Amino acid sequence: MRWERRRRARRLLVQALYQQQLTGSDANEILAQFRLCEDYGRADTKFFTELLRAATTRRDELDRQISAASDIPIERIDPVERAVLWTALAEMQGRGTRRAVAINEAIELAREFGADQGYRFVNAVLDRWARATPEVRADPEADHAD
């Protein structure tokens, strides 16, 4: 199903953005490495690539949005939770995915990869961001894919 391929893409994206923070690799290097992963072929690769590029090229803007919605300075946010937040914000702003879908997926990713209570932090930041930001639906078909 398409939603499963998107879920795999989100999982890979969190891993890719985490790796990028540790290695300093650019999006092309990360993409080349992840194309070799077994799970890559089972993911929505177009979705993965699009969100990787968005999260990378818009990093400063996404960090400002996270900082505005968080009480913790961006540099002190756990790298896994930061990767989850970048993923969710890039998806909601670039793909037009319904906020409820993207936020729920982000919470699940934070539960899977993040610190013990990291999902609560992710939920709080995304909730504050959503309340302060008008929703723009760029792609009405995006809902049907999730």
C-alpha atoms as a PDB file:
ATOM      1  CA  MET A   1       0.000   0.000   0.000  1.00  0.00           C
ATOM      2  CA  ARG A   2       1.079   3.543  -0.687  1.00  0.00           C
ATOM      3  CA  TRP A   3       0.864   4.641   2.970  1.00  0.00           C
ATOM      4  CA  GLU A   4       3.278   1.845   3.951  1.00  0.00           C
ATOM      5  CA  ARG A   5       5.792   3.048   1.375  1.00  0.00           C
ATOM      6  CA  ARG A   6       5.457   6.587   2.723  1.00  0.00           C
ATOM      7  CA  ARG A   7       5.896   5.377   6.294  1.00  0.00           C
ATOM      8  CA  ARG A   8       9.100   3.577   5.280  1.00  0.00           C
ATOM      9  CA  ALA A   9      10.281   6.750   3.538  1.00  0.00           C
ATOM     10  CA  ARG A  10       9.687   8.771   6.712  1.00  0.00           C
ATOM     11  CA  ARG A  11      11.606   6.202   8.785  1.00  0.00           C
ATOM     12  CA  LEU A  12      14.523   6.325   6.363  1.00  0.00           C
ATOM     13  CA  LEU A  13      14.395  10.116   6.293  1.00  0.00           C
ATOM     14  CA  VAL A  14      14.706  10.389  10.070  1.00  0.00           C
ATOM     15  CA  GLN A  15      17.703   8.060   9.910  1.00  0.00           C
ATOM     16  CA  ALA A  16      19.208  10.042   7.015  1.00  0.00           C
ATOM     17  CA  LEU A  17      18.776  13.402   8.750  1.00  0.00           C
ATOM     18  CA  TYR A  18      20.238  11.989  11.957  1.00  0.00           C
ATOM     19  CA  GLN A  19      23.230  10.653  10.019  1.00  0.00           C
ATOM     20  CA  GLN A  20      23.621  13.993   8.282  1.00  0.00           C
ATOM     21  CA  GLN A  21      23.885  15.743  11.646  1.00  0.00           C
ATOM     22  CA  LEU A  22      26.631  13.359  12.759  1.00  0.00           C
ATOM     23  CA  THR A  23      28.653  13.277   9.541  1.00  0.00           C
ATOM     24  CA  GLY A  24      28.014  16.664   7.956  1.00  0.00           C
ATOM     25  CA  SER A  25      27.353  14.945   4.612  1.00  0.00           C
ATOM     26  CA  ASP A  26      25.325  16.820   2.026  1.00  0.00           C
ATOM     27  CA  ALA A  27      21.984  15.614   0.675  1.00  0.00           C
ATOM     28  CA  ASN A  28      23.534  13.997  -2.417  1.00  0.00           C
ATOM     29  CA  GLU A  29      25.986  11.940  -0.334  1.00  0.00           C
ATOM     30  CA  ILE A  30      23.220  10.835   2.018  1.00  0.00           C
ATOM     31  CA  LEU A  31      20.953   9.959  -0.898  1.00  0.00           C
ATOM     32  CA  ALA A  32      23.695   7.867  -2.540  1.00  0.00           C
ATOM     33  CA  GLN A  33      24.257   5.965   0.715  1.00  0.00           C
ATOM     34  CA  PHE A  34      20.578   5.344   1.367  1.00  0.00           C
ATOM     35  CA  ARG A  35      19.968   4.089  -2.161  1.00  0.00           C
ATOM     36  CA  LEU A  36      22.107   1.107  -1.135  1.00  0.00           C
ATOM     37  CA  CYS A  37      19.882   0.274   1.858  1.00  0.00           C
ATOM     38  CA  GLU A  38      17.641  -2.762   1.549  1.00  0.00           C
ATOM     39  CA  ASP A  39      14.625  -0.805   2.810  1.00  0.00           C
ATOM     40  CA  TYR A  40      15.083   1.961   0.228  1.00  0.00           C
ATOM     41  CA  GLY A  41      13.470  -0.053  -2.560  1.00  0.00           C
ATOM     42  CA  ARG A  42      10.399  -0.696  -0.410  1.00  0.00           C
ATOM     43  CA  ALA A  43       9.972   2.997   0.408  1.00  0.00           C
ATOM     44  CA  ASP A  44       8.401   5.785  -1.629  1.00  0.00           C
ATOM     45  CA  THR A  45      11.736   6.940  -3.031  1.00  0.00           C
ATOM     46  CA  LYS A  46      10.381  10.081  -4.698  1.00  0.00           C
ATOM     47  CA  PHE A  47       8.790  11.137  -1.391  1.00  0.00           C
ATOM     48  CA  PHE A  48      12.040  10.382   0.486  1.00  0.00           C
ATOM     49  CA  THR A  49      14.176  12.359  -1.964  1.00  0.00           C
ATOM     50  CA  GLU A  50      11.800  15.316  -2.038  1.00  0.00           C
ATOM     51  CA  LEU A  51      11.634  15.572   1.757  1.00  0.00           C
ATOM     52  CA  LEU A  52      15.398  15.048   2.167  1.00  0.00           C
ATOM     53  CA  ARG A  53      16.080  17.934  -0.184  1.00  0.00           C
ATOM     54  CA  ALA A  54      13.444  20.141   1.471  1.00  0.00           C
ATOM     55  CA  ALA A  55      14.698  19.417   4.986  1.00  0.00           C
ATOM     56  CA  THR A  56      18.274  20.083   3.893  1.00  0.00           C
ATOM     57  CA  THR A  57      17.805  23.233   1.823  1.00  0.00           C
ATOM     58  CA  ARG A  58      15.326  24.792   4.261  1.00  0.00           C
ATOM     59  CA  ARG A  59      17.216  23.790   7.424  1.00  0.00           C
ATOM     60  CA  ASP A  60      17.684  27.324   8.792  1.00  0.00           C
ATOM     61  CA  GLU A  61      14.031  28.188   8.228  1.00  0.00           C
ATOM     62  CA  LEU A  62      12.879  24.928   9.855  1.00  0.00           C
ATOM     63  CA  ASP A  63      15.197  25.554  12.813  1.00  0.00           C
ATOM     64  CA  ARG A  64      13.690  29.027  13.295  1.00  0.00           C
ATOM     65  CA  GLN A  65      10.202  27.512  13.289  1.00  0.00           C
ATOM     66  CA  ILE A  66      11.218  24.843  15.793  1.00  0.00           C
ATOM     67  CA  SER A  67      12.883  27.453  18.019  1.00  0.00           C
ATOM     68  CA  ALA A  68       9.742  29.599  17.977  1.00  0.00           C
ATOM     69  CA  ALA A  69       7.647  26.619  19.116  1.00  0.00           C
ATOM     70  CA  SER A  70      10.093  25.234  21.685  1.00  0.00           C
ATOM     71  CA  ASP A  71      11.415  26.315  25.064  1.00  0.00           C
ATOM     72  CA  ILE A  72      14.677  24.478  24.358  1.00  0.00           C
ATOM     73  CA  PRO A  73      17.375  26.097  22.195  1.00  0.00           C
ATOM     74  CA  ILE A  74      17.693  24.277  18.852  1.00  0.00           C
ATOM     75  CA  GLU A  75      21.275  23.203  19.527  1.00  0.00           C
ATOM     76  CA  ARG A  76      20.176  21.436  22.733  1.00  0.00           C
ATOM     77  CA  ILE A  77      17.384  19.428  21.101  1.00  0.00           C
ATOM     78  CA  ASP A  78      18.276  15.758  20.780  1.00  0.00           C
ATOM     79  CA  PRO A  79      19.455  14.999  17.209  1.00  0.00           C
ATOM     80  CA  VAL A  80      16.813  12.289  16.761  1.00  0.00           C
ATOM     81  CA  GLU A  81      13.969  14.563  17.815  1.00  0.00           C
ATOM     82  CA  ARG A  82      15.395  17.321  15.615  1.00  0.00           C
ATOM     83  CA  ALA A  83      15.383  14.923  12.633  1.00  0.00           C
ATOM     84  CA  VAL A  84      11.772  13.956  13.387  1.00  0.00           C
ATOM     85  CA  LEU A  85      10.740  17.612  13.601  1.00  0.00           C
ATOM     86  CA  TRP A  86      12.483  18.471  10.322  1.00  0.00           C
ATOM     87  CA  THR A  87      10.726  15.527   8.670  1.00  0.00           C
ATOM     88  CA  ALA A  88       7.265  16.563   9.879  1.00  0.00           C
ATOM     89  CA  LEU A  89       7.664  20.250   9.084  1.00  0.00           C
ATOM     90  CA  ALA A  90       9.116  19.585   5.633  1.00  0.00           C
ATOM     91  CA  GLU A  91       6.223  17.257   4.866  1.00  0.00           C
ATOM     92  CA  MET A  92       3.468  19.547   6.120  1.00  0.00           C
ATOM     93  CA  GLN A  93       4.867  22.607   4.386  1.00  0.00           C
ATOM     94  CA  GLY A  94       6.060  21.042   1.172  1.00  0.00           C
ATOM     95  CA  ARG A  95       3.659  18.196   0.502  1.00  0.00           C
ATOM     96  CA  GLY A  96       0.415  19.555   1.846  1.00  0.00           C
ATOM     97  CA  THR A  97      -0.072  16.482   4.000  1.00  0.00           C
ATOM     98  CA  ARG A  98      -2.779  16.954   6.614  1.00  0.00           C
ATOM     99  CA  ARG A  99      -1.268  18.063   9.881  1.00  0.00           C
ATOM    100  CA  ALA A 100      -2.970  15.306  11.847  1.00  0.00           C
ATOM    101  CA  VAL A 101      -1.337  12.685   9.613  1.00  0.00           C
ATOM    102  CA  ALA A 102       2.142  14.229   9.688  1.00  0.00           C
ATOM    103  CA  ILE A 103       2.050  14.898  13.435  1.00  0.00           C
ATOM    104  CA  ASN A 104       0.841  11.381  14.217  1.00  0.00           C
ATOM    105  CA  GLU A 105       3.611   9.916  12.047  1.00  0.00           C
ATOM    106  CA  ALA A 106       6.167  12.160  13.784  1.00  0.00           C
ATOM    107  CA  ILE A 107       5.025  11.018  17.219  1.00  0.00           C
ATOM    108  CA  GLU A 108       5.354   7.374  16.156  1.00  0.00           C
ATOM    109  CA  LEU A 109       8.843   8.011  14.758  1.00  0.00           C
ATOM    110  CA  ALA A 110       9.877   9.744  17.978  1.00  0.00           C
ATOM    111  CA  ARG A 111       8.572   6.772  19.986  1.00  0.00           C
ATOM    112  CA  GLU A 112      10.544   4.397  17.791  1.00  0.00           C
ATOM    113  CA  PHE A 113      13.840   6.266  17.516  1.00  0.00           C
ATOM    114  CA  GLY A 114      13.862   8.990  20.157  1.00  0.00           C
ATOM    115  CA  ALA A 115      14.523   9.272  23.856  1.00  0.00           C
ATOM    116  CA  ASP A 116      12.078   7.759  26.334  1.00  0.00           C
ATOM    117  CA  GLN A 117       9.796  10.803  26.492  1.00  0.00           C
ATOM    118  CA  GLY A 118      10.967  12.427  23.255  1.00  0.00           C
ATOM    119  CA  TYR A 119       7.624  11.841  21.568  1.00  0.00           C
ATOM    120  CA  ARG A 120       5.981  14.200  24.073  1.00  0.00           C
ATOM    121  CA  PHE A 121       8.429  16.940  23.187  1.00  0.00           C
ATOM    122  CA  VAL A 122       7.857  16.374  19.444  1.00  0.00           C
ATOM    123  CA  ASN A 123       4.087  16.471  19.953  1.00  0.00           C
ATOM    124  CA  ALA A 124       4.269  19.689  21.986  1.00  0.00           C
ATOM    125  CA  VAL A 125       6.505  21.486  19.476  1.00  0.00           C
ATOM    126  CA  LEU A 126       4.417  20.450  16.471  1.00  0.00           C
ATOM    127  CA  ASP A 127       1.188  21.335  18.277  1.00  0.00           C
ATOM    128  CA  ARG A 128       2.501  24.828  19.123  1.00  0.00           C
ATOM    129  CA  TRP A 129       3.735  25.266  15.570  1.00  0.00           C
ATOM    130  CA  ALA A 130       0.364  24.154  14.129  1.00  0.00           C
ATOM    131  CA  ARG A 131      -1.607  26.545  16.347  1.00  0.00           C
ATOM    132  CA  ALA A 132       0.611  29.471  15.299  1.00  0.00           C
ATOM    133  CA  THR A 133       0.722  28.683  11.569  1.00  0.00           C
ATOM    134  CA  PRO A 134      -2.199  28.821   9.140  1.00  0.00           C
ATOM    135  CA  GLU A 135      -2.700  25.554   7.296  1.00  0.00           C
ATOM    136  CA  VAL A 136      -2.031  25.631   3.576  1.00  0.00           C
ATOM    137  CA  ARG A 137      -3.107  22.597   1.592  1.00  0.00           C
ATOM    138  CA  ALA A 138      -0.798  22.500  -1.412  1.00  0.00           C
ATOM    139  CA  ASP A 139      -1.726  18.998  -2.533  1.00  0.00           C
ATOM    140  CA  PRO A 140      -5.273  17.779  -1.798  1.00  0.00           C
ATOM    141  CA  GLU A 141      -4.273  14.368  -3.174  1.00  0.00           C
ATOM    142  CA  ALA A 142      -1.658  14.013  -0.408  1.00  0.00           C
ATOM    143  CA  ASP A 143      -4.347  12.825   2.025  1.00  0.00           C
ATOM    144  CA  HIS A 144      -5.215   9.889  -0.172  1.00  0.00           C
ATOM    145  CA  ALA A 145      -1.617   8.744  -0.159  1.00  0.00           C
ATOM    146  CA  ASP A 146      -1.423   8.508   3.604  1.00  0.00           C
END
